[in-house]
């Protein structure tokens, strides 16, 4: 099978899984990356390069901090 066909099939799979949300979004992302490596479309370094980007790490950190503010009572707890 051609790499473009494999990529488009995995893209459709990812879109369906993102909309359906029966499995966590992170699992869907990892499955697509692993599938791209196993089919030979990308090598291991290329497939997971997006997860190492500094912008992704910044977004993850912002979600962690933001998630803490959504919990009730965060204002009254001391950090120490």
Protein backbone atom coordinates (compact mmCIF):
# COMPACT_ATOMS: atom_id res chain seq x y z
CA UNK A 1 0.00 0.00 0.00
CA UNK A 2 1.22 3.50 -0.78
CA UNK A 3 2.33 5.71 2.13
CA UNK A 4 -0.24 8.38 1.20
CA UNK A 5 -3.06 5.82 1.38
CA UNK A 6 -1.89 4.59 4.77
CA UNK A 7 -1.59 8.15 6.04
CA UNK A 8 -5.07 9.12 4.86
CA UNK A 9 -6.59 5.97 6.39
CA UNK A 10 -4.91 6.75 9.71
CA UNK A 11 -6.09 10.36 9.48
CA UNK A 12 -9.70 9.22 9.01
CA UNK A 13 -9.26 6.77 11.90
CA UNK A 14 -7.89 9.54 14.14
CA UNK A 15 -10.72 11.94 13.27
CA UNK A 16 -13.34 9.28 14.01
CA UNK A 17 -11.68 8.39 17.31
CA UNK A 18 -11.34 12.07 18.32
CA UNK A 19 -15.03 12.69 17.61
CA UNK A 20 -16.18 9.43 19.20
CA UNK A 21 -14.01 9.89 22.34
CA UNK A 22 -14.48 6.34 23.63
CA UNK A 23 -10.73 6.11 24.30
CA UNK A 24 -8.58 8.97 25.63
CA UNK A 25 -7.28 11.37 22.99
CA UNK A 26 -3.68 10.67 24.01
CA UNK A 27 -4.17 6.96 23.33
CA UNK A 28 -5.50 7.71 19.86
CA UNK A 29 -2.50 9.94 19.14
CA UNK A 30 -0.06 7.29 20.29
CA UNK A 31 -1.81 4.56 18.27
CA UNK A 32 -1.55 6.65 15.11
CA UNK A 33 2.15 7.36 15.74
CA UNK A 34 2.91 3.69 16.37
CA UNK A 35 0.92 2.68 13.28
CA UNK A 36 2.91 5.11 11.13
CA UNK A 37 6.14 3.54 12.40
CA UNK A 38 4.95 -0.06 12.00
CA UNK A 39 3.77 0.54 8.44
CA UNK A 40 7.07 2.18 7.53
CA UNK A 41 5.60 5.56 6.61
CA UNK A 42 7.76 7.32 9.23
CA UNK A 43 10.74 6.32 11.28
CA UNK A 44 10.57 6.36 15.07
CA UNK A 45 12.23 9.77 15.47
CA UNK A 46 9.94 11.47 12.94
CA UNK A 47 6.76 9.93 14.34
CA UNK A 48 7.28 11.18 17.88
CA UNK A 49 9.10 14.46 17.13
CA UNK A 50 5.96 16.52 17.73
CA UNK A 51 5.68 15.35 21.34
CA UNK A 52 9.11 16.81 22.18
CA UNK A 53 8.37 20.28 20.83
CA UNK A 54 8.68 23.00 23.49
CA UNK A 55 5.23 24.36 22.61
CA UNK A 56 3.64 21.00 23.41
CA UNK A 57 5.43 20.86 26.75
CA UNK A 58 4.25 24.42 27.50
CA UNK A 59 0.63 23.48 26.73
CA UNK A 60 0.82 20.41 28.97
CA UNK A 61 2.18 22.55 31.80
CA UNK A 62 -0.61 25.11 31.29
CA UNK A 63 -3.25 22.36 31.40
CA UNK A 64 -1.79 21.04 34.66
CA UNK A 65 -1.81 24.49 36.28
CA UNK A 66 -5.25 25.29 34.87
CA UNK A 67 -6.65 21.99 36.11
CA UNK A 68 -5.56 22.87 39.61
CA UNK A 69 -7.53 26.13 39.50
CA UNK A 70 -10.70 24.28 38.52
CA UNK A 71 -10.71 22.33 41.78
CA UNK A 72 -12.74 23.98 44.54
CA UNK A 73 -10.85 25.31 47.53
CA UNK A 74 -7.56 26.01 45.76
CA UNK A 75 -7.49 29.54 47.18
CA UNK A 76 -7.41 28.40 50.81
CA UNK A 77 -4.67 25.76 50.59
CA UNK A 78 -1.12 26.85 51.26
CA UNK A 79 1.72 25.78 49.01
CA UNK A 80 4.13 25.19 51.89
